[in-house]
Amino acid sequence: MKTLAFILSLAVLAANRAPQPYDLIIKGGRIIDGTGNPAYFSDLAIQNGKIVAIGRNLGPAKETLNAKGMVVAPGFIDVHTHAENVTSLPDAENYTRMGVTSIVVGNCGSSAPNVATFLKQVDGKAAVNVATLVGHNTVRSAAMGGSFDRPPTTKELTQMRTAVDNAMRQGAVGLSTGLIYLPGTFAKTDEIVALAKVANQYDGIYASHMRNESDEILKALDEAFAIGRGAGIRVQVSHLKLGKAGWGNTDKVLDALRLAREQGLEVTQDQYVYTASSTSLTQMIPSWAKEGGKAKFKERLNDPAVKQRMINEMNKNLELRSDMDYGYAVIARYADNPALNGLTVPAATKHVKGDDSLASQMEFLFEVEAGSGASGVFIGMNEEDIKTFMQLPTTMFAADGSCRDFGKDVPHPRSYGNNARVLGRYVREIKAIPLEDAVRKMTSLPANTFRLRGRGLVKEGFAADIVVFDPAKVRDVSTYDDPHHYAEGFKHVIVNGVPVIRDDKRTGKRPGRALRHTGPPR
């Protein structure tokens, strides 16, 4: 009896003992959980980096964040970045300031050469979670020793397959291609299928910057779908858009995407919400002219007939765009002459050569390519296409940017404002899509598509990646002329249960994790 009485007394003491406090409670917010379902009001409790309770009167917490009048949502997931420089800019402040808590790098065919090493470098050392694709251009360059316009030998293809297999085993989420970039532009479809089959063995995804995004986009889509079918792999169309030469093909693009899905191919796409793209100025020069590297390019420039062939092809491309010159292109970063950053190509040409004729502009572009190269911003998309593509249920939002060194160069504003622009302009002002659907496209859709398990929802047991924002105030401030401004309206941003933005101030914490894909071999 004494033993029973002792046990009962311990039970009474345990029942009367004050409950252990949660690490963090977010109180008074309107939760948009990432499913696309309507918002609801509730509190949210976090413990050990996980969401552990959703409800009212949850009890004490070591820290409470006020979310009254705010939306509480899963942290945004940007599946198309070039933010490998998160290793040197680990605060990734341009991303966290617009609610992004997880990024996928390794897009457009270019990735870290060793996935295991890269993921080790970022694990627990960045403010955001980081996943990576393995880049086709990266493995092709390593296997073939340069940018060559030929198919790989059997030995080289085996080396490429092995590299993709190793990357997938080390945690890559899939394979990416950049088929307008060297050396991927020289790859045939069957080469890519062979590598995509390897990624598919681990339930990876195939993410493609296609060969064309304007006048021949339908042919490019057909190739992407053929790779998906040939490898049995899921397909992600990178930064879906229509360049100026392809305007008017919107309905045909929609039909192609719809038909592919109806035929059983799992196709999704990402999008940035600006009418300008950004890439290297080298893309204005024909790929064949750059085959073999800088030395070969300079040799071709010194051959009048070959140089004229380049010029003729560049003129034809301008005609397709209905442009008279390169006034649509603005220099974002030119290491050889930073004074030209922010100028259009004609303005930069006049600064360097004294005149801005088309012939001089082409000479300037040749000189840039023969030197260190440059990146640019290119005006060329249609606002109506942006709205149409974002309304597809399979579209997710991704900035196609990198971690920005605040104040340096004149980069595309999307790296600072893409998610905020979706919420401010396209949800609140234009009402192109509902708020709940916009959040779904930034959270559960990318998490499910890229197999980032346990993320993308406000749900008990899921990782506590949370963004708290004011839907009436959220907006992008960055512009093409003056890009270095952080987005506004994001009060708190939490990564793995740790605030990285608290009351609109950076905390300096870096709780991000390497998101290693764990798909088993099939």
Protein backbone atom coordinates (compact mmCIF):
# COMPACT_ATOMS: atom_id res chain seq x y z
CA MET A 1 0.00 0.00 0.00
CA LYS A 2 2.85 2.35 0.85
CA THR A 3 4.34 1.71 -2.57
CA LEU A 4 1.02 2.49 -4.26
CA ALA A 5 0.63 5.65 -2.23
CA PHE A 6 4.14 6.73 -3.21
CA ILE A 7 3.41 6.16 -6.89
CA LEU A 8 0.17 8.11 -6.62
CA SER A 9 1.97 10.99 -4.94
CA LEU A 10 4.52 11.11 -7.76
CA ALA A 11 1.68 11.18 -10.29
CA VAL A 12 0.07 14.10 -8.46
CA LEU A 13 3.36 15.97 -8.39
CA ALA A 14 3.87 15.37 -12.11
CA ALA A 15 0.36 16.56 -12.88
CA ASN A 16 0.86 19.72 -10.86
CA ARG A 17 4.30 20.44 -12.27
CA ALA A 18 4.36 23.45 -14.60
CA PRO A 19 4.52 22.40 -18.27
CA GLN A 20 7.89 22.77 -19.95
CA PRO A 21 7.95 25.89 -22.12
CA TYR A 22 8.09 25.66 -25.88
CA ASP A 23 11.10 27.17 -27.59
CA LEU A 24 8.91 29.60 -29.52
CA ILE A 25 5.26 30.50 -29.98
CA ILE A 26 3.97 32.60 -32.87
CA LYS A 27 0.81 34.18 -31.57
CA GLY A 28 -2.26 35.80 -33.09
CA GLY A 29 -1.55 35.24 -36.78
CA ARG A 30 -3.65 34.16 -39.74
CA ILE A 31 -2.21 30.83 -40.86
CA ILE A 32 -1.98 30.01 -44.56
CA ASP A 33 -0.73 26.46 -44.29
CA GLY A 34 0.63 25.92 -47.82
CA THR A 35 -2.04 23.47 -49.00
CA GLY A 36 -4.02 26.14 -50.85
CA ASN A 37 -6.84 25.84 -48.31
CA PRO A 38 -8.42 28.98 -46.81
CA ALA A 39 -6.55 30.80 -44.04
CA TYR A 40 -7.49 30.40 -40.39
CA PHE A 41 -6.51 32.09 -37.13
CA SER A 42 -4.39 30.17 -34.65
CA ASP A 43 -1.18 30.15 -32.65
CA LEU A 44 1.78 27.96 -33.48
CA ALA A 45 4.35 26.35 -31.16
CA ILE A 46 7.89 25.30 -32.08
CA GLN A 47 10.19 22.92 -30.22
CA ASN A 48 13.57 21.57 -31.31
CA GLY A 49 13.22 22.96 -34.81
CA LYS A 50 9.81 21.38 -35.45
CA ILE A 51 6.22 22.58 -35.44
CA VAL A 52 4.76 20.72 -32.45
CA ALA A 53 1.37 22.35 -31.80
CA ILE A 54 -1.20 24.48 -33.61
CA GLY A 55 -4.08 25.92 -31.61
CA ARG A 56 -5.05 28.41 -28.91
CA ASN A 57 -3.73 28.77 -25.35
CA LEU A 58 -0.76 26.56 -26.08
CA GLY A 59 1.07 27.39 -22.87
CA PRO A 60 4.34 29.10 -21.99
CA ALA A 61 7.27 29.63 -24.33
CA LYS A 62 10.83 30.87 -23.99
CA GLU A 63 10.06 33.38 -26.74
CA THR A 64 6.81 34.69 -28.21
CA LEU A 65 6.53 36.46 -31.55
CA ASN A 66 3.51 38.66 -32.17
CA ALA A 67 1.83 37.97 -35.52
CA LYS A 68 -1.36 39.97 -35.00
CA GLY A 69 -2.55 41.33 -38.34
CA MET A 70 0.00 39.17 -40.13
CA VAL A 71 -0.01 36.03 -42.26
CA VAL A 72 1.88 33.03 -40.89
CA ALA A 73 2.98 30.72 -43.70
CA PRO A 74 5.56 28.04 -44.45
CA GLY A 75 8.92 29.50 -45.41
CA PHE A 76 9.19 30.02 -49.14
CA ILE A 77 11.19 27.53 -51.23
CA ASP A 78 13.04 28.88 -54.28
CA VAL A 79 13.77 25.92 -56.56
CA HIS A 80 15.69 27.84 -59.21
CA THR A 81 18.69 29.75 -57.96
CA HIS A 82 22.33 30.20 -58.87
CA ALA A 83 23.21 30.83 -55.25
CA GLU A 84 26.22 28.54 -54.94
CA ASN A 85 27.83 31.69 -53.53
CA VAL A 86 25.88 31.05 -50.32
CA THR A 87 29.20 29.61 -49.14
CA SER A 88 30.72 33.11 -49.28
CA LEU A 89 27.51 35.06 -48.48
CA PRO A 90 25.96 32.70 -45.92
CA ASP A 91 23.42 35.19 -44.54
CA ALA A 92 21.65 35.12 -47.94
CA GLU A 93 19.90 38.26 -46.77
CA ASN A 94 18.29 39.12 -50.08
CA TYR A 95 16.49 35.76 -49.86
CA THR A 96 15.52 35.75 -46.19
CA ARG A 97 14.28 39.34 -46.48
CA MET A 98 11.66 38.13 -48.98
CA GLY A 99 10.63 35.10 -46.93
CA VAL A 100 12.79 32.42 -48.56
CA THR A 101 13.98 29.75 -46.14
CA SER A 102 15.17 27.06 -48.60
CA ILE A 103 16.94 27.32 -51.95
CA VAL A 104 17.86 24.86 -54.70
CA VAL A 105 21.16 25.55 -56.46
CA GLY A 106 22.89 23.80 -59.37
CA ASN A 107 20.44 24.97 -62.01
CA CYS A 108 20.92 25.55 -65.75
CA GLY A 109 23.51 22.80 -66.01
CA SER A 110 26.08 24.32 -63.67
CA SER A 111 26.70 22.93 -60.18
CA ALA A 112 29.40 22.37 -57.60
CA PRO A 113 31.79 19.69 -58.92
CA ASN A 114 31.47 17.66 -55.71
CA VAL A 115 28.01 17.54 -54.16
CA ALA A 116 29.15 15.98 -50.88
CA THR A 117 31.77 18.68 -50.32
CA PHE A 118 29.36 21.48 -51.18
CA LEU A 119 26.58 20.23 -48.90
CA LYS A 120 29.08 19.84 -46.07
CA GLN A 121 30.16 23.46 -46.58
CA VAL A 122 26.61 24.79 -46.14
CA ASP A 123 25.23 22.42 -43.50
CA GLY A 124 24.66 24.45 -40.34
CA LYS A 125 26.63 27.35 -41.77
CA ALA A 126 24.01 29.36 -43.72
CA ALA A 127 20.85 31.27 -42.87
CA VAL A 128 18.83 29.19 -45.36
CA ASN A 129 18.44 25.51 -46.13
CA VAL A 130 20.25 24.44 -49.31
CA ALA A 131 19.64 21.63 -51.80
CA THR A 132 21.47 21.12 -55.07
CA LEU A 133 21.00 19.61 -58.49
CA VAL A 134 23.91 18.09 -60.42
CA GLY A 135 24.70 20.09 -63.54
CA HIS A 136 25.04 18.47 -66.95
CA ASN A 137 27.46 21.17 -68.14
CA THR A 138 29.62 20.53 -65.11
CA VAL A 139 29.89 16.78 -65.63
CA ARG A 140 30.26 17.13 -69.43
CA SER A 141 33.15 19.58 -69.05
CA ALA A 142 34.88 17.30 -66.56
CA ALA A 143 34.49 14.22 -68.76
CA MET A 144 35.25 15.80 -72.14
CA GLY A 145 37.78 18.44 -71.16
CA GLY A 146 36.09 21.45 -72.74
CA SER A 147 33.32 22.79 -74.96
CA PHE A 148 33.33 20.45 -77.92
CA ASP A 149 30.72 20.08 -80.65
CA ARG A 150 30.70 16.29 -80.71
CA PRO A 151 29.02 13.42 -78.88
CA PRO A 152 30.88 11.88 -75.96
CA THR A 153 32.83 8.68 -76.48
CA THR A 154 31.60 5.55 -74.72
CA LYS A 155 34.25 6.10 -72.06
CA GLU A 156 33.27 9.74 -71.60
CA LEU A 157 29.57 8.94 -71.34
CA THR A 158 30.34 6.28 -68.75
CA GLN A 159 32.33 8.86 -66.79
CA MET A 160 29.40 11.30 -66.99
CA ARG A 161 26.93 8.65 -65.83
CA THR A 162 29.19 7.78 -62.92
CA ALA A 163 29.45 11.46 -61.95
CA VAL A 164 25.65 11.83 -61.92
CA ASP A 165 25.31 8.59 -59.93
CA ASN A 166 27.83 9.79 -57.35
CA ALA A 167 26.09 13.16 -57.06
CA MET A 168 22.71 11.54 -56.52
CA ARG A 169 24.15 9.20 -53.88
CA GLN A 170 25.65 12.24 -52.16
CA GLY A 171 22.26 13.96 -51.95
CA ALA A 172 21.56 15.84 -55.20
CA VAL A 173 17.85 16.30 -55.92
CA GLY A 174 18.15 15.73 -59.66
CA LEU A 175 19.87 16.64 -62.93
CA SER A 176 19.85 20.08 -64.54
CA THR A 177 20.68 21.19 -68.06
CA GLY A 178 21.48 24.56 -69.56
CA LEU A 179 21.05 23.90 -73.25
CA ILE A 180 21.87 27.43 -74.43
CA TYR A 181 25.17 27.37 -72.53
CA LEU A 182 28.51 25.79 -73.27
CA PRO A 183 29.07 22.90 -73.45
CA GLY A 184 25.45 21.73 -73.08
CA THR A 185 24.39 23.41 -76.29
CA PHE A 186 26.39 20.75 -78.18
CA ALA A 187 24.74 17.80 -76.43
CA LYS A 188 22.25 15.65 -78.31
CA THR A 189 19.01 14.44 -76.75
CA ASP A 190 20.15 10.83 -76.31
CA GLU A 191 23.12 11.97 -74.21
CA ILE A 192 20.81 13.78 -71.82
CA VAL A 193 18.40 10.84 -71.66
CA ALA A 194 21.26 8.56 -70.63
CA LEU A 195 22.15 10.85 -67.73
CA ALA A 196 18.53 11.53 -66.74
CA LYS A 197 17.99 7.78 -66.42
CA VAL A 198 20.66 7.73 -63.72
CA ALA A 199 18.99 10.56 -61.80
CA ASN A 200 15.63 8.81 -62.12
CA GLN A 201 17.02 5.73 -60.40
CA TYR A 202 17.10 7.85 -57.24
CA ASP A 203 13.69 9.51 -57.84
CA GLY A 204 15.46 12.69 -58.93
CA ILE A 205 13.99 15.37 -61.15
CA TYR A 206 15.12 16.68 -64.55
CA ALA A 207 15.22 20.51 -64.53
CA SER A 208 15.96 22.13 -67.86
CA HIS A 209 16.86 25.54 -69.17
CA MET A 210 15.69 24.53 -72.63
CA ARG A 211 17.38 25.23 -75.96
CA ASN A 212 14.91 27.94 -76.86
CA GLU A 213 12.44 30.12 -74.97
CA SER A 214 11.11 32.23 -77.83
CA ASP A 215 10.53 31.47 -81.52
CA GLU A 216 11.31 27.72 -81.22
CA ILE A 217 9.96 27.08 -77.74
CA LEU A 218 7.57 24.35 -78.90
CA LYS A 219 10.46 22.36 -80.33
CA ALA A 220 12.37 22.87 -77.08
CA LEU A 221 9.40 21.68 -75.03
CA ASP A 222 9.12 18.60 -77.24
CA GLU A 223 12.74 17.75 -76.45
CA ALA A 224 12.21 18.22 -72.71
CA PHE A 225 9.18 15.94 -72.84
CA ALA A 226 11.08 13.37 -74.93
CA ILE A 227 13.82 13.31 -72.28
CA GLY A 228 11.18 12.88 -69.57
CA ARG A 229 9.58 9.96 -71.39
CA GLY A 230 12.87 8.40 -72.46
CA ALA A 231 14.27 8.45 -68.93
CA GLY A 232 10.95 7.95 -67.10
CA ILE A 233 11.76 11.06 -65.09
CA ARG A 234 9.79 14.04 -63.80
CA VAL A 235 10.38 17.24 -65.80
CA GLN A 236 10.77 20.78 -64.49
CA VAL A 237 10.75 23.55 -67.10
CA SER A 238 13.06 26.24 -65.78
CA HIS A 239 11.87 29.87 -65.79
CA LEU A 240 8.95 29.40 -68.17
CA LYS A 241 8.61 32.44 -70.40
CA LEU A 242 8.28 33.63 -73.97
CA GLY A 243 10.98 35.88 -75.37
CA LYS A 244 10.02 38.63 -77.76
CA ALA A 245 10.54 36.52 -80.89
CA GLY A 246 8.03 34.02 -79.51
CA TRP A 247 5.23 36.38 -78.57
CA GLY A 248 1.86 35.08 -79.69
CA ASN A 249 2.64 31.42 -78.92
CA THR A 250 1.17 31.48 -75.42
CA ASP A 251 -1.84 29.25 -76.13
CA LYS A 252 0.35 26.75 -77.97
CA VAL A 253 2.69 26.55 -74.98
CA LEU A 254 -0.26 26.00 -72.65
CA ASP A 255 -1.60 23.27 -74.93
CA ALA A 256 1.79 21.54 -75.05
CA LEU A 257 2.11 21.53 -71.24
CA ARG A 258 -1.47 20.33 -70.81
CA LEU A 259 -1.13 17.55 -73.36
CA ALA A 260 2.12 16.28 -71.85
CA ARG A 261 0.46 15.96 -68.44
CA GLU A 262 -2.62 14.34 -69.91
CA GLN A 263 -0.35 11.76 -71.52
CA GLY A 264 1.07 10.88 -68.11
CA LEU A 265 4.25 12.95 -67.95
CA GLU A 266 4.77 14.74 -64.64
CA VAL A 267 5.64 18.26 -65.82
CA THR A 268 5.96 21.37 -63.66
CA GLN A 269 7.58 24.75 -64.18
CA ASP A 270 9.02 27.72 -62.31
CA GLN A 271 8.77 31.41 -63.10
CA TYR A 272 10.17 34.78 -62.11
CA VAL A 273 7.70 37.64 -62.35
CA TYR A 274 9.61 40.25 -64.35
CA THR A 275 9.60 41.19 -68.03
CA ALA A 276 13.41 41.05 -68.24
CA SER A 277 15.75 38.08 -68.07
CA SER A 278 19.36 37.98 -66.96
CA THR A 279 22.29 35.95 -68.21
CA SER A 280 25.71 36.48 -69.77
CA LEU A 281 26.22 38.79 -72.74
CA THR A 282 27.92 35.89 -74.48
CA GLN A 283 24.48 34.52 -75.37
CA MET A 284 24.22 37.17 -78.08
CA ILE A 285 27.07 35.46 -79.94
CA PRO A 286 26.41 32.16 -81.77
CA SER A 287 27.36 29.04 -79.81
CA TRP A 288 29.36 27.53 -82.65
CA ALA A 289 31.65 30.58 -82.62
CA LYS A 290 32.66 29.84 -79.01
CA GLU A 291 33.27 26.10 -79.42
CA GLY A 292 36.72 25.14 -78.17
CA GLY A 293 37.21 28.08 -75.81
CA LYS A 294 38.56 31.65 -75.91
CA ALA A 295 41.57 30.94 -78.11
CA LYS A 296 39.42 29.36 -80.82
CA PHE A 297 36.96 32.26 -80.59
CA LYS A 298 39.76 34.77 -81.17
CA GLU A 299 40.98 32.76 -84.15
CA ARG A 300 37.52 32.93 -85.69
CA LEU A 301 37.36 36.67 -85.14
CA ASN A 302 40.56 37.02 -87.15
CA ASP A 303 39.02 35.17 -90.10
CA PRO A 304 36.94 37.76 -92.04
CA ALA A 305 34.60 35.16 -93.56
CA VAL A 306 33.89 33.46 -90.24
CA LYS A 307 33.45 36.76 -88.48
CA GLN A 308 30.96 37.86 -91.14
CA ARG A 309 29.03 34.63 -90.55
CA MET A 310 28.76 35.56 -86.86
CA ILE A 311 27.55 39.03 -87.76
CA ASN A 312 24.96 37.69 -90.21
CA GLU A 313 23.55 35.32 -87.60
CA MET A 314 23.42 38.06 -84.95
CA ASN A 315 21.58 40.34 -87.41
CA LYS A 316 19.07 37.57 -88.08
CA ASN A 317 18.42 37.16 -84.34
CA LEU A 318 17.81 40.90 -84.00
CA GLU A 319 15.32 40.70 -86.86
CA LEU A 320 13.46 37.89 -85.10
CA ARG A 321 13.07 40.20 -82.11
CA SER A 322 12.10 43.15 -84.34
CA ASP A 323 14.94 45.13 -82.74
CA MET A 324 17.28 47.53 -84.49
CA ASP A 325 20.16 47.12 -82.02
CA TYR A 326 21.05 45.87 -78.52
CA GLY A 327 19.30 48.62 -76.61
CA TYR A 328 17.25 45.96 -74.80
CA ALA A 329 20.39 44.72 -73.00
CA VAL A 330 21.82 46.40 -69.89
CA ILE A 331 25.22 45.47 -68.45
CA ALA A 332 24.88 44.08 -64.92
CA ARG A 333 28.49 43.14 -64.22
CA TYR A 334 31.59 43.69 -66.34
CA ALA A 335 34.74 43.05 -64.35
CA ASP A 336 37.03 44.43 -67.07
CA ASN A 337 35.31 47.85 -66.92
CA PRO A 338 32.94 48.26 -63.94
CA ALA A 339 32.21 51.85 -65.03
CA LEU A 340 29.96 50.37 -67.72
CA ASN A 341 27.73 48.55 -65.23
CA GLY A 342 24.15 49.80 -65.55
CA LEU A 343 24.56 51.05 -69.13
CA THR A 344 22.77 49.64 -72.16
CA VAL A 345 25.00 47.99 -74.75
CA PRO A 346 24.65 50.99 -77.12
CA ALA A 347 25.52 53.42 -74.32
CA ALA A 348 28.48 51.29 -73.22
CA THR A 349 29.65 51.02 -76.83
CA LYS A 350 29.55 54.78 -77.28
CA HIS A 351 31.48 55.22 -74.03
CA VAL A 352 34.21 52.84 -75.24
CA LYS A 353 34.28 53.42 -78.99
CA GLY A 354 32.88 56.90 -79.46
CA ASP A 355 29.84 55.82 -81.47
CA ASP A 356 26.88 53.48 -80.94
CA SER A 357 26.34 52.07 -84.44
CA LEU A 358 25.22 48.45 -84.64
CA ALA A 359 28.56 47.46 -86.13
CA SER A 360 30.35 49.04 -83.17
CA GLN A 361 27.98 47.34 -80.73
CA MET A 362 28.86 43.96 -82.19
CA GLU A 363 32.58 44.77 -82.00
CA PHE A 364 32.08 45.68 -78.35
CA LEU A 365 30.32 42.35 -77.68
CA PHE A 366 33.16 40.48 -79.40
CA GLU A 367 35.70 42.28 -77.19
CA VAL A 368 33.71 41.45 -74.06
CA GLU A 369 33.59 37.78 -75.04
CA ALA A 370 37.30 37.70 -75.85
CA GLY A 371 37.97 39.18 -72.40
CA SER A 372 36.47 38.11 -69.07
CA GLY A 373 32.86 38.24 -70.23
CA ALA A 374 29.95 40.11 -68.68
CA SER A 375 26.43 39.53 -67.41
CA GLY A 376 23.39 41.53 -68.44
CA VAL A 377 19.69 42.21 -67.99
CA PHE A 378 17.56 41.75 -71.11
CA ILE A 379 14.12 43.30 -71.61
CA GLY A 380 11.99 40.96 -73.67
CA MET A 381 8.92 39.39 -72.03
CA ASN A 382 5.23 40.17 -72.03
CA GLU A 383 3.34 41.08 -68.85
CA GLU A 384 0.24 39.21 -70.01
CA ASP A 385 2.27 36.02 -70.46
CA ILE A 386 3.57 36.37 -66.91
CA LYS A 387 0.03 36.49 -65.54
CA THR A 388 -1.10 33.60 -67.73
CA PHE A 389 1.77 31.30 -66.79
CA MET A 390 1.48 32.04 -63.07
CA GLN A 391 -2.14 30.93 -63.08
CA LEU A 392 -1.21 27.38 -64.08
CA PRO A 393 -1.64 25.11 -61.03
CA THR A 394 1.81 23.59 -61.66
CA THR A 395 3.78 26.87 -61.67
CA MET A 396 6.03 27.75 -58.75
CA PHE A 397 7.87 31.03 -58.21
CA ALA A 398 11.66 31.18 -58.33
CA ALA A 399 13.93 34.21 -58.67
CA ASP A 400 16.67 32.67 -60.85
CA GLY A 401 19.09 34.76 -58.79
CA SER A 402 22.00 34.43 -56.41
CA CYS A 403 23.04 35.72 -53.01
CA ARG A 404 23.71 39.41 -53.53
CA ASP A 405 26.63 41.39 -52.17
CA PHE A 406 24.63 44.48 -51.16
CA GLY A 407 25.55 47.51 -53.28
CA LYS A 408 27.81 45.66 -55.72
CA ASP A 409 27.16 45.72 -59.50
CA VAL A 410 23.73 46.40 -61.07
CA PRO A 411 21.99 43.02 -60.87
CA HIS A 412 18.49 42.03 -61.88
CA PRO A 413 16.01 43.10 -59.16
CA ARG A 414 14.50 39.60 -58.99
CA SER A 415 17.18 38.48 -56.53
CA TYR A 416 15.80 41.00 -54.05
CA GLY A 417 12.10 41.06 -54.82
CA ASN A 418 10.62 38.08 -56.67
CA ASN A 419 8.49 36.60 -53.87
CA ALA A 420 7.51 40.01 -52.57
CA ARG A 421 6.49 41.07 -56.07
CA VAL A 422 4.21 38.05 -56.37
CA LEU A 423 2.46 38.93 -53.11
CA GLY A 424 2.38 42.69 -53.57
CA ARG A 425 1.76 43.21 -57.27
CA TYR A 426 0.13 40.04 -58.55
CA VAL A 427 -1.90 39.04 -55.48
CA ARG A 428 -2.80 42.31 -53.76
CA GLU A 429 -2.82 44.84 -56.61
CA ILE A 430 -3.65 42.95 -59.81
CA LYS A 431 -5.44 40.01 -58.11
CA ALA A 432 -4.09 37.61 -60.73
CA ILE A 433 -4.10 34.72 -58.22
CA PRO A 434 -5.47 34.27 -54.67
CA LEU A 435 -3.13 34.66 -51.71
CA GLU A 436 -3.56 31.05 -50.59
CA ASP A 437 -2.61 29.76 -54.04
CA ALA A 438 0.42 32.05 -54.24
CA VAL A 439 1.65 30.65 -50.93
CA ARG A 440 1.05 27.07 -52.13
CA LYS A 441 3.15 27.77 -55.23
CA MET A 442 6.02 28.97 -53.00
CA THR A 443 5.81 26.19 -50.40
CA SER A 444 4.14 22.78 -50.69
CA LEU A 445 4.31 22.65 -54.50
CA PRO A 446 8.11 23.11 -54.67
CA ALA A 447 8.62 20.90 -51.60
CA ASN A 448 6.63 18.05 -53.15
CA THR A 449 8.12 18.51 -56.61
CA PHE A 450 11.74 18.45 -55.42
CA ARG A 451 11.09 15.87 -52.70
CA LEU A 452 12.05 18.18 -49.84
CA ARG A 453 10.25 16.01 -47.35
CA GLY A 454 8.88 17.42 -44.12
CA ARG A 455 8.88 21.00 -45.40
CA GLY A 456 6.48 23.31 -47.20
CA LEU A 457 3.49 23.08 -44.84
CA VAL A 458 2.42 24.53 -41.51
CA LYS A 459 1.77 21.13 -40.03
CA GLU A 460 2.67 19.40 -36.78
CA GLY A 461 5.85 17.40 -37.17
CA PHE A 462 7.13 19.48 -40.10
CA ALA A 463 10.29 21.57 -39.98
CA ALA A 464 9.69 24.98 -38.44
CA ASP A 465 10.51 27.03 -41.53
CA ILE A 466 8.08 29.92 -41.11
CA VAL A 467 7.53 33.37 -42.60
CA VAL A 468 5.38 36.07 -40.98
CA PHE A 469 4.42 38.91 -43.33
CA ASP A 470 1.96 41.76 -43.63
CA PRO A 471 -0.17 41.13 -46.75
CA ALA A 472 -1.17 44.80 -46.88
CA LYS A 473 2.41 46.07 -46.90
CA VAL A 474 4.57 43.40 -48.54
CA ARG A 475 6.24 44.74 -51.68
CA ASP A 476 9.36 44.65 -53.80
CA VAL A 477 11.45 47.82 -53.66
CA SER A 478 14.33 46.79 -55.92
CA THR A 479 14.23 48.22 -59.46
CA TYR A 480 16.29 47.73 -62.63
CA ASP A 481 17.98 51.12 -62.18
CA ASP A 482 18.37 50.87 -58.40
CA PRO A 483 18.32 47.18 -57.46
CA HIS A 484 19.96 47.10 -54.04
CA HIS A 485 16.89 47.30 -51.80
CA TYR A 486 15.50 44.53 -49.62
CA ALA A 487 11.84 43.58 -49.86
CA GLU A 488 9.45 45.05 -47.32
CA GLY A 489 6.64 43.61 -45.22
CA PHE A 490 8.37 40.51 -43.83
CA LYS A 491 8.41 40.82 -40.05
CA HIS A 492 9.75 37.44 -38.94
CA VAL A 493 11.52 34.66 -40.85
CA ILE A 494 12.31 31.42 -39.03
CA VAL A 495 14.53 28.60 -40.28
CA ASN A 496 14.50 25.26 -38.45
CA GLY A 497 12.90 26.95 -35.44
CA VAL A 498 15.45 29.78 -35.22
CA PRO A 499 14.58 33.38 -36.18
CA VAL A 500 16.92 34.71 -38.86
CA ILE A 501 14.77 37.83 -39.26
CA ARG A 502 13.07 39.09 -36.10
CA ASP A 503 11.00 42.29 -36.08
CA ASP A 504 12.41 43.10 -39.52
CA LYS A 505 16.02 42.86 -38.30
CA ARG A 506 18.62 40.25 -39.21
CA THR A 507 19.62 38.19 -36.18
CA GLY A 508 22.91 36.86 -37.54
CA LYS A 509 21.87 33.25 -36.89
CA ARG A 510 22.69 30.60 -39.50
CA PRO A 511 20.54 27.55 -38.75
CA GLY A 512 20.14 26.37 -42.35
CA ARG A 513 20.70 22.74 -43.22
CA ALA A 514 21.87 20.84 -46.24
CA LEU A 515 18.79 19.20 -47.73
CA ARG A 516 20.17 15.91 -48.98
CA HIS A 517 17.90 13.92 -51.25
CA THR A 518 17.52 10.37 -50.00
CA GLY A 519 15.76 8.60 -52.87
CA PRO A 520 16.84 4.94 -52.84
CA PRO A 521 18.23 3.27 -55.96
CA ARG A 522 15.44 1.60 -57.94
